[in-house]
Amino acid sequence: MSLAMSTRVLFVCTGNICRSPMAEGVFRHLVRQAGLDEIVRVASAGTHGFHAGEAPDKRAQAATGRRGYDIADLRASKVREKDFEDFDMVLAMDWDNLAALQQAAPKPTHHKLQMLMRFATEHETATIADPYYGNAQGFEQALDYIEDACNGLLELVKRRATQVAAA
């Protein structure tokens, strides 16, 4: 049996209590369903550390819970310089997050920085708006976008895994 290529994905939003933990929970679930949890590592972090150590926003937990994802065990953390080395893909939720990552990341790792929504196939938007200051509907919409993009991302990860396994 040949060893499949592992993929390490870091989802990033501003405070790591809404969008990125939702994305981590959704993608972790999809990866497990696909039987790839041995080779795909999933995590999330924020460009800012003001919620470090906190559980995801209650509204994010409620929205994901209604769709069968459990994110209650996740805790907010801030992106560390080491993350740019450790992860293969660092996926931002919006342009501000991407700009902050571009400033923080060492130049040789800039190719790892992308927008999560570039993997979406159903929705045309480039960004996932921060639902923090809005209502529950904002969390539902963010989750619609996240599920779409994570499904597209899973296809890429599956291709990566099988390309190396077949080589």
N, C-alpha and C. Protein backbone atom coordinates (compact mmCIF):
# COMPACT_ATOMS: atom_id res chain seq x y z
N MET A 1 0.85 -1.19 0.00
CA MET A 1 0.00 0.00 0.00
C MET A 1 0.88 1.24 0.00
N SER A 2 0.62 2.16 -0.89
CA SER A 2 1.43 3.38 -0.91
C SER A 2 0.82 4.43 0.00
N LEU A 3 1.66 5.27 0.51
CA LEU A 3 1.22 6.29 1.43
C LEU A 3 0.65 7.47 0.66
N ALA A 4 -0.58 7.84 0.98
CA ALA A 4 -1.21 8.98 0.31
C ALA A 4 -0.62 10.28 0.85
N MET A 5 -0.68 11.31 0.02
CA MET A 5 -0.14 12.60 0.41
C MET A 5 -1.06 13.29 1.41
N SER A 6 -0.51 13.69 2.52
CA SER A 6 -1.33 14.36 3.53
C SER A 6 -1.55 15.82 3.15
N THR A 7 -2.64 16.37 3.63
CA THR A 7 -2.97 17.77 3.40
C THR A 7 -3.33 18.38 4.74
N ARG A 8 -2.71 19.52 5.03
CA ARG A 8 -3.00 20.22 6.29
C ARG A 8 -3.63 21.56 5.95
N VAL A 9 -4.86 21.75 6.45
CA VAL A 9 -5.66 22.93 6.10
C VAL A 9 -5.94 23.76 7.35
N LEU A 10 -5.67 25.05 7.25
CA LEU A 10 -5.97 25.99 8.34
C LEU A 10 -6.99 27.01 7.83
N PHE A 11 -8.14 27.08 8.50
CA PHE A 11 -9.18 28.05 8.17
C PHE A 11 -8.99 29.28 9.06
N VAL A 12 -9.05 30.47 8.46
CA VAL A 12 -8.77 31.68 9.22
C VAL A 12 -9.86 32.74 9.04
N CYS A 13 -10.35 33.26 10.19
CA CYS A 13 -11.23 34.44 10.17
C CYS A 13 -10.62 35.45 11.14
N THR A 14 -11.39 36.39 11.61
CA THR A 14 -10.84 37.46 12.44
C THR A 14 -10.55 37.00 13.88
N GLY A 15 -11.59 36.54 14.57
CA GLY A 15 -11.41 36.18 15.98
C GLY A 15 -11.43 34.70 16.28
N ASN A 16 -11.65 33.87 15.26
CA ASN A 16 -11.69 32.41 15.40
C ASN A 16 -12.81 31.93 16.33
N ILE A 17 -13.97 32.64 16.29
CA ILE A 17 -15.11 32.15 17.08
C ILE A 17 -16.37 31.98 16.23
N CYS A 18 -16.36 32.40 14.97
CA CYS A 18 -17.55 32.24 14.12
C CYS A 18 -17.24 31.44 12.86
N ARG A 19 -16.72 32.12 11.85
CA ARG A 19 -16.56 31.49 10.54
C ARG A 19 -15.53 30.38 10.50
N SER A 20 -14.32 30.62 11.01
CA SER A 20 -13.28 29.58 10.89
C SER A 20 -13.56 28.33 11.71
N PRO A 21 -14.11 28.43 12.95
CA PRO A 21 -14.46 27.17 13.62
C PRO A 21 -15.61 26.45 12.93
N MET A 22 -16.54 27.20 12.31
CA MET A 22 -17.61 26.56 11.56
C MET A 22 -17.00 25.80 10.38
N ALA A 23 -16.06 26.43 9.69
CA ALA A 23 -15.40 25.77 8.55
C ALA A 23 -14.61 24.55 9.03
N GLU A 24 -13.92 24.68 10.16
CA GLU A 24 -13.17 23.54 10.69
C GLU A 24 -14.12 22.38 11.00
N GLY A 25 -15.25 22.67 11.61
CA GLY A 25 -16.21 21.63 11.96
C GLY A 25 -16.81 20.96 10.74
N VAL A 26 -17.18 21.75 9.74
CA VAL A 26 -17.76 21.21 8.51
C VAL A 26 -16.73 20.35 7.78
N PHE A 27 -15.52 20.90 7.61
CA PHE A 27 -14.50 20.18 6.83
C PHE A 27 -14.06 18.90 7.56
N ARG A 28 -13.92 18.98 8.88
CA ARG A 28 -13.54 17.81 9.67
C ARG A 28 -14.58 16.69 9.46
N HIS A 29 -15.85 17.06 9.46
CA HIS A 29 -16.95 16.11 9.25
C HIS A 29 -16.86 15.48 7.85
N LEU A 30 -16.64 16.31 6.82
CA LEU A 30 -16.55 15.82 5.45
C LEU A 30 -15.35 14.88 5.27
N VAL A 31 -14.24 15.27 5.87
CA VAL A 31 -13.01 14.47 5.79
C VAL A 31 -13.23 13.10 6.44
N ARG A 32 -13.90 13.10 7.60
CA ARG A 32 -14.18 11.85 8.31
C ARG A 32 -15.11 10.97 7.47
N GLN A 33 -16.15 11.57 6.90
CA GLN A 33 -17.09 10.83 6.05
C GLN A 33 -16.39 10.21 4.84
N ALA A 34 -15.39 10.93 4.32
CA ALA A 34 -14.66 10.45 3.14
C ALA A 34 -13.58 9.42 3.50
N GLY A 35 -13.41 9.19 4.80
CA GLY A 35 -12.40 8.23 5.24
C GLY A 35 -10.98 8.75 5.11
N LEU A 36 -10.82 10.06 5.13
CA LEU A 36 -9.48 10.66 4.94
C LEU A 36 -8.89 11.24 6.21
N ASP A 37 -9.51 10.95 7.36
CA ASP A 37 -9.02 11.60 8.59
C ASP A 37 -7.61 11.18 8.99
N GLU A 38 -7.10 10.09 8.40
CA GLU A 38 -5.72 9.69 8.67
C GLU A 38 -4.72 10.61 7.96
N ILE A 39 -5.13 11.20 6.85
CA ILE A 39 -4.16 11.97 6.06
C ILE A 39 -4.49 13.46 5.93
N VAL A 40 -5.64 13.88 6.44
CA VAL A 40 -5.99 15.31 6.36
C VAL A 40 -6.08 15.89 7.76
N ARG A 41 -5.31 16.95 7.98
CA ARG A 41 -5.33 17.64 9.27
C ARG A 41 -6.08 18.95 9.09
N VAL A 42 -6.99 19.24 10.00
CA VAL A 42 -7.85 20.41 9.89
C VAL A 42 -7.75 21.23 11.17
N ALA A 43 -7.59 22.54 11.03
CA ALA A 43 -7.55 23.42 12.20
C ALA A 43 -8.08 24.79 11.80
N SER A 44 -8.24 25.66 12.80
CA SER A 44 -8.66 27.03 12.51
C SER A 44 -7.97 27.98 13.48
N ALA A 45 -7.91 29.24 13.06
CA ALA A 45 -7.28 30.26 13.89
C ALA A 45 -7.81 31.62 13.47
N GLY A 46 -7.48 32.64 14.24
CA GLY A 46 -7.91 34.00 13.93
C GLY A 46 -6.72 34.89 13.63
N THR A 47 -6.95 35.95 12.86
CA THR A 47 -5.88 36.91 12.61
C THR A 47 -5.64 37.75 13.86
N HIS A 48 -6.61 37.79 14.77
CA HIS A 48 -6.50 38.53 16.03
C HIS A 48 -6.73 37.56 17.18
N GLY A 49 -6.10 37.85 18.31
CA GLY A 49 -6.19 36.94 19.44
C GLY A 49 -7.16 37.34 20.52
N PHE A 50 -8.08 38.28 20.23
CA PHE A 50 -8.92 38.77 21.34
C PHE A 50 -9.93 37.78 21.89
N HIS A 51 -10.12 36.61 21.28
CA HIS A 51 -11.01 35.59 21.84
C HIS A 51 -10.25 34.32 22.21
N ALA A 52 -8.91 34.39 22.25
CA ALA A 52 -8.09 33.19 22.49
C ALA A 52 -8.59 32.41 23.69
N GLY A 53 -8.74 31.09 23.50
CA GLY A 53 -9.20 30.22 24.58
C GLY A 53 -10.70 30.07 24.67
N GLU A 54 -11.45 30.93 23.98
CA GLU A 54 -12.91 30.87 24.05
C GLU A 54 -13.48 29.82 23.11
N ALA A 55 -14.64 29.29 23.50
CA ALA A 55 -15.40 28.37 22.64
C ALA A 55 -16.02 29.18 21.49
N PRO A 56 -16.42 28.52 20.41
CA PRO A 56 -17.09 29.24 19.33
C PRO A 56 -18.35 29.96 19.83
N ASP A 57 -18.69 31.04 19.14
CA ASP A 57 -19.91 31.81 19.42
C ASP A 57 -21.10 30.86 19.51
N LYS A 58 -21.98 31.10 20.48
CA LYS A 58 -23.15 30.23 20.69
C LYS A 58 -24.00 30.12 19.42
N ARG A 59 -24.10 31.22 18.66
CA ARG A 59 -24.89 31.20 17.43
C ARG A 59 -24.24 30.32 16.37
N ALA A 60 -22.89 30.31 16.34
CA ALA A 60 -22.17 29.44 15.41
C ALA A 60 -22.38 27.98 15.81
N GLN A 61 -22.34 27.71 17.11
CA GLN A 61 -22.57 26.35 17.60
C GLN A 61 -23.99 25.89 17.28
N ALA A 62 -24.96 26.80 17.43
CA ALA A 62 -26.37 26.45 17.16
C ALA A 62 -26.57 26.16 15.67
N ALA A 63 -26.02 27.02 14.81
CA ALA A 63 -26.18 26.86 13.36
C ALA A 63 -25.53 25.55 12.89
N THR A 64 -24.31 25.28 13.34
CA THR A 64 -23.64 24.05 12.92
C THR A 64 -24.34 22.83 13.52
N GLY A 65 -24.78 22.94 14.76
CA GLY A 65 -25.46 21.83 15.43
C GLY A 65 -26.72 21.41 14.69
N ARG A 66 -27.47 22.39 14.19
CA ARG A 66 -28.70 22.08 13.44
C ARG A 66 -28.41 21.28 12.17
N ARG A 67 -27.17 21.38 11.66
CA ARG A 67 -26.80 20.65 10.45
C ARG A 67 -25.94 19.42 10.74
N GLY A 68 -25.81 19.09 12.01
CA GLY A 68 -25.12 17.86 12.37
C GLY A 68 -23.62 17.97 12.58
N TYR A 69 -23.12 19.18 12.77
CA TYR A 69 -21.69 19.37 13.05
C TYR A 69 -21.55 19.80 14.50
N ASP A 70 -20.55 19.24 15.19
CA ASP A 70 -20.31 19.61 16.58
C ASP A 70 -18.99 20.36 16.67
N ILE A 71 -19.07 21.62 17.09
CA ILE A 71 -17.84 22.42 17.21
C ILE A 71 -17.59 22.89 18.64
N ALA A 72 -18.37 22.35 19.59
CA ALA A 72 -18.29 22.80 20.98
C ALA A 72 -16.91 22.63 21.60
N ASP A 73 -16.14 21.64 21.11
CA ASP A 73 -14.82 21.36 21.69
C ASP A 73 -13.73 22.30 21.18
N LEU A 74 -14.01 23.08 20.15
CA LEU A 74 -12.98 23.95 19.57
C LEU A 74 -12.73 25.16 20.47
N ARG A 75 -11.49 25.65 20.46
CA ARG A 75 -11.12 26.84 21.24
C ARG A 75 -10.37 27.80 20.33
N ALA A 76 -10.69 29.08 20.47
CA ALA A 76 -10.08 30.09 19.61
C ALA A 76 -8.58 30.22 19.87
N SER A 77 -7.85 30.44 18.78
CA SER A 77 -6.42 30.73 18.89
C SER A 77 -6.05 31.71 17.79
N LYS A 78 -4.90 32.32 17.97
CA LYS A 78 -4.41 33.29 16.99
C LYS A 78 -3.43 32.60 16.05
N VAL A 79 -3.42 33.00 14.79
CA VAL A 79 -2.46 32.45 13.83
C VAL A 79 -1.05 32.72 14.34
N ARG A 80 -0.20 31.70 14.29
CA ARG A 80 1.20 31.83 14.71
C ARG A 80 2.09 31.74 13.47
N GLU A 81 3.25 32.30 13.54
CA GLU A 81 4.16 32.26 12.38
C GLU A 81 4.45 30.81 11.96
N LYS A 82 4.53 29.92 12.92
CA LYS A 82 4.79 28.51 12.68
C LYS A 82 3.69 27.88 11.79
N ASP A 83 2.46 28.41 11.90
CA ASP A 83 1.34 27.87 11.11
C ASP A 83 1.61 27.95 9.61
N PHE A 84 2.31 28.98 9.19
CA PHE A 84 2.58 29.14 7.76
C PHE A 84 3.50 28.04 7.24
N GLU A 85 4.34 27.51 8.14
CA GLU A 85 5.19 26.38 7.78
C GLU A 85 4.41 25.07 7.88
N ASP A 86 3.63 24.94 8.95
CA ASP A 86 2.96 23.67 9.28
C ASP A 86 1.80 23.29 8.37
N PHE A 87 1.14 24.29 7.78
CA PHE A 87 -0.05 24.00 6.97
C PHE A 87 0.24 24.15 5.48
N ASP A 88 -0.44 23.32 4.68
CA ASP A 88 -0.29 23.37 3.22
C ASP A 88 -1.18 24.45 2.61
N MET A 89 -2.33 24.67 3.26
CA MET A 89 -3.28 25.66 2.77
C MET A 89 -3.76 26.49 3.95
N VAL A 90 -3.71 27.81 3.79
CA VAL A 90 -4.20 28.73 4.82
C VAL A 90 -5.31 29.53 4.14
N LEU A 91 -6.56 29.23 4.54
CA LEU A 91 -7.72 29.72 3.81
C LEU A 91 -8.47 30.81 4.57
N ALA A 92 -8.50 31.99 3.97
CA ALA A 92 -9.12 33.16 4.59
C ALA A 92 -10.60 33.27 4.23
N MET A 93 -11.37 33.87 5.13
CA MET A 93 -12.81 34.04 4.93
C MET A 93 -13.15 35.31 4.15
N ASP A 94 -12.30 36.35 4.28
CA ASP A 94 -12.58 37.60 3.56
C ASP A 94 -11.27 38.31 3.22
N TRP A 95 -11.39 39.41 2.48
CA TRP A 95 -10.21 40.13 2.00
C TRP A 95 -9.37 40.70 3.13
N ASP A 96 -10.01 41.15 4.22
CA ASP A 96 -9.26 41.69 5.37
C ASP A 96 -8.40 40.60 6.00
N ASN A 97 -8.99 39.41 6.15
CA ASN A 97 -8.23 38.28 6.70
C ASN A 97 -7.06 37.94 5.80
N LEU A 98 -7.31 37.91 4.48
CA LEU A 98 -6.24 37.59 3.53
C LEU A 98 -5.11 38.62 3.61
N ALA A 99 -5.48 39.89 3.69
CA ALA A 99 -4.47 40.96 3.78
C ALA A 99 -3.64 40.80 5.06
N ALA A 100 -4.30 40.50 6.17
CA ALA A 100 -3.59 40.32 7.45
C ALA A 100 -2.64 39.11 7.37
N LEU A 101 -3.10 38.05 6.71
CA LEU A 101 -2.25 36.86 6.54
C LEU A 101 -1.05 37.17 5.65
N GLN A 102 -1.28 37.94 4.59
CA GLN A 102 -0.18 38.29 3.68
C GLN A 102 0.88 39.11 4.41
N GLN A 103 0.44 39.94 5.34
CA GLN A 103 1.40 40.74 6.12
C GLN A 103 2.18 39.87 7.10
N ALA A 104 1.49 38.89 7.68
CA ALA A 104 2.11 38.06 8.73
C ALA A 104 2.97 36.92 8.17
N ALA A 105 2.62 36.43 7.01
CA ALA A 105 3.28 35.24 6.47
C ALA A 105 4.65 35.54 5.87
N PRO A 106 5.64 34.68 6.14
CA PRO A 106 6.92 34.82 5.46
C PRO A 106 6.71 34.69 3.95
N LYS A 107 7.43 35.48 3.18
CA LYS A 107 7.27 35.49 1.71
C LYS A 107 7.21 34.11 1.06
N PRO A 108 8.13 33.19 1.42
CA PRO A 108 8.12 31.88 0.76
C PRO A 108 6.84 31.05 0.99
N THR A 109 5.97 31.50 1.91
CA THR A 109 4.76 30.73 2.19
C THR A 109 3.51 31.38 1.60
N HIS A 110 3.67 32.50 0.90
CA HIS A 110 2.52 33.23 0.37
C HIS A 110 1.65 32.40 -0.58
N HIS A 111 2.26 31.42 -1.25
CA HIS A 111 1.48 30.59 -2.18
C HIS A 111 0.43 29.73 -1.45
N LYS A 112 0.56 29.59 -0.15
CA LYS A 112 -0.38 28.79 0.63
C LYS A 112 -1.64 29.57 0.99
N LEU A 113 -1.60 30.89 0.86
CA LEU A 113 -2.70 31.75 1.27
C LEU A 113 -3.73 31.87 0.15
N GLN A 114 -4.97 31.53 0.46
CA GLN A 114 -6.04 31.62 -0.52
C GLN A 114 -7.34 31.98 0.17
N MET A 115 -8.34 32.33 -0.64
CA MET A 115 -9.68 32.58 -0.12
C MET A 115 -10.42 31.24 -0.12
N LEU A 116 -11.10 30.94 0.98
CA LEU A 116 -11.86 29.69 1.05
C LEU A 116 -12.90 29.61 -0.08
N MET A 117 -13.56 30.71 -0.40
CA MET A 117 -14.65 30.69 -1.38
C MET A 117 -14.19 30.38 -2.80
N ARG A 118 -12.89 30.35 -3.03
CA ARG A 118 -12.45 29.99 -4.39
C ARG A 118 -12.74 28.53 -4.69
N PHE A 119 -13.08 27.74 -3.68
CA PHE A 119 -13.41 26.32 -3.87
C PHE A 119 -14.91 26.09 -4.00
N ALA A 120 -15.69 27.16 -3.86
CA ALA A 120 -17.16 27.04 -3.94
C ALA A 120 -17.60 26.77 -5.37
N THR A 121 -18.68 26.02 -5.52
CA THR A 121 -19.22 25.74 -6.85
C THR A 121 -20.64 26.26 -7.01
N GLU A 122 -21.35 26.48 -5.91
CA GLU A 122 -22.76 26.91 -5.97
C GLU A 122 -22.92 28.42 -5.85
N HIS A 123 -22.08 29.04 -5.05
CA HIS A 123 -22.23 30.47 -4.76
C HIS A 123 -21.14 31.28 -5.45
N GLU A 124 -21.53 32.44 -5.94
CA GLU A 124 -20.61 33.30 -6.71
C GLU A 124 -19.76 34.22 -5.85
N THR A 125 -20.10 34.40 -4.59
CA THR A 125 -19.40 35.37 -3.76
C THR A 125 -17.94 34.98 -3.50
N ALA A 126 -17.08 35.97 -3.35
CA ALA A 126 -15.66 35.72 -3.09
C ALA A 126 -15.37 35.63 -1.60
N THR A 127 -16.27 36.17 -0.78
CA THR A 127 -16.01 36.26 0.65
C THR A 127 -17.18 35.70 1.47
N ILE A 128 -16.89 35.40 2.72
CA ILE A 128 -17.91 34.98 3.68
C ILE A 128 -17.98 36.09 4.72
N ALA A 129 -19.08 36.82 4.72
CA ALA A 129 -19.23 37.96 5.63
C ALA A 129 -19.21 37.50 7.08
N ASP A 130 -18.65 38.33 7.95
CA ASP A 130 -18.59 38.03 9.37
C ASP A 130 -19.99 38.19 9.96
N PRO A 131 -20.58 37.11 10.49
CA PRO A 131 -21.95 37.19 11.02
C PRO A 131 -22.02 37.69 12.46
N TYR A 132 -20.87 37.97 13.08
CA TYR A 132 -20.80 38.26 14.51
C TYR A 132 -21.74 39.37 14.96
N TYR A 133 -21.82 40.46 14.20
CA TYR A 133 -22.64 41.59 14.64
C TYR A 133 -24.06 41.53 14.10
N GLY A 134 -24.38 40.46 13.39
CA GLY A 134 -25.71 40.33 12.81
C GLY A 134 -26.59 39.38 13.59
N ASN A 135 -27.58 38.81 12.87
CA ASN A 135 -28.53 37.90 13.50
C ASN A 135 -28.23 36.45 13.11
N ALA A 136 -29.09 35.55 13.56
CA ALA A 136 -28.91 34.12 13.29
C ALA A 136 -28.87 33.82 11.79
N GLN A 137 -29.60 34.59 10.99
CA GLN A 137 -29.63 34.37 9.54
C GLN A 137 -28.23 34.54 8.93
N GLY A 138 -27.45 35.45 9.46
CA GLY A 138 -26.08 35.65 8.97
C GLY A 138 -25.23 34.40 9.17
N PHE A 139 -25.46 33.70 10.28
CA PHE A 139 -24.73 32.45 10.54
C PHE A 139 -25.16 31.36 9.58
N GLU A 140 -26.46 31.31 9.27
CA GLU A 140 -26.97 30.32 8.31
C GLU A 140 -26.37 30.56 6.93
N GLN A 141 -26.31 31.83 6.52
CA GLN A 141 -25.74 32.15 5.21
C GLN A 141 -24.25 31.83 5.18
N ALA A 142 -23.54 32.18 6.24
CA ALA A 142 -22.11 31.86 6.31
C ALA A 142 -21.91 30.35 6.19
N LEU A 143 -22.78 29.60 6.84
CA LEU A 143 -22.67 28.14 6.81
C LEU A 143 -22.99 27.58 5.42
N ASP A 144 -23.95 28.19 4.74
CA ASP A 144 -24.25 27.78 3.35
C ASP A 144 -22.99 27.92 2.49
N TYR A 145 -22.32 29.06 2.61
CA TYR A 145 -21.10 29.33 1.84
C TYR A 145 -19.98 28.37 2.23
N ILE A 146 -19.83 28.17 3.55
CA ILE A 146 -18.77 27.29 4.06
C ILE A 146 -18.98 25.86 3.57
N GLU A 147 -20.21 25.36 3.64
CA GLU A 147 -20.47 23.99 3.18
C GLU A 147 -20.14 23.85 1.70
N ASP A 148 -20.53 24.84 0.91
CA ASP A 148 -20.26 24.84 -0.53
C ASP A 148 -18.75 24.78 -0.78
N ALA A 149 -18.01 25.69 -0.17
CA ALA A 149 -16.55 25.75 -0.38
C ALA A 149 -15.85 24.50 0.16
N CYS A 150 -16.30 23.99 1.29
CA CYS A 150 -15.66 22.81 1.87
C CYS A 150 -15.89 21.57 1.01
N ASN A 151 -17.05 21.48 0.37
CA ASN A 151 -17.29 20.37 -0.55
C ASN A 151 -16.32 20.43 -1.73
N GLY A 152 -16.11 21.63 -2.27
CA GLY A 152 -15.14 21.81 -3.36
C GLY A 152 -13.73 21.50 -2.91
N LEU A 153 -13.39 21.95 -1.71
CA LEU A 153 -12.07 21.71 -1.14
C LEU A 153 -11.84 20.21 -0.94
N LEU A 154 -12.87 19.50 -0.52
CA LEU A 154 -12.75 18.05 -0.31
C LEU A 154 -12.38 17.36 -1.62
N GLU A 155 -12.95 17.79 -2.73
CA GLU A 155 -12.62 17.20 -4.02
C GLU A 155 -11.13 17.36 -4.33
N LEU A 156 -10.59 18.55 -4.06
CA LEU A 156 -9.17 18.81 -4.27
C LEU A 156 -8.32 17.88 -3.38
N VAL A 157 -8.69 17.78 -2.13
CA VAL A 157 -7.94 16.95 -1.18
C VAL A 157 -7.99 15.48 -1.60
N LYS A 158 -9.16 15.02 -2.08
CA LYS A 158 -9.31 13.64 -2.56
C LYS A 158 -8.38 13.42 -3.76
N ARG A 159 -8.33 14.39 -4.68
CA ARG A 159 -7.45 14.26 -5.85
C ARG A 159 -6.00 14.19 -5.41
N ARG A 160 -5.60 15.04 -4.50
CA ARG A 160 -4.23 15.02 -3.97
C ARG A 160 -3.90 13.66 -3.39
N ALA A 161 -4.82 13.11 -2.61
CA ALA A 161 -4.60 11.83 -1.93
C ALA A 161 -4.44 10.71 -2.96
N THR A 162 -5.28 10.71 -3.99
CA THR A 162 -5.24 9.61 -4.94
C THR A 162 -4.09 9.76 -5.95
N GLN A 163 -3.72 10.98 -6.28
CA GLN A 163 -2.59 11.19 -7.20
C GLN A 163 -1.33 10.53 -6.66
N VAL A 164 -1.06 10.77 -5.40
CA VAL A 164 0.15 10.24 -4.80
C VAL A 164 0.02 8.73 -4.58
N ALA A 165 -1.17 8.29 -4.18
CA ALA A 165 -1.39 6.87 -3.95
C ALA A 165 -1.19 6.09 -5.25
N ALA A 166 -1.57 6.70 -6.39
CA ALA A 166 -1.46 6.03 -7.68
C ALA A 166 -0.04 6.11 -8.25
N ALA A 167 0.73 7.07 -7.79
CA ALA A 167 2.07 7.30 -8.37
C ALA A 167 3.01 6.14 -8.12
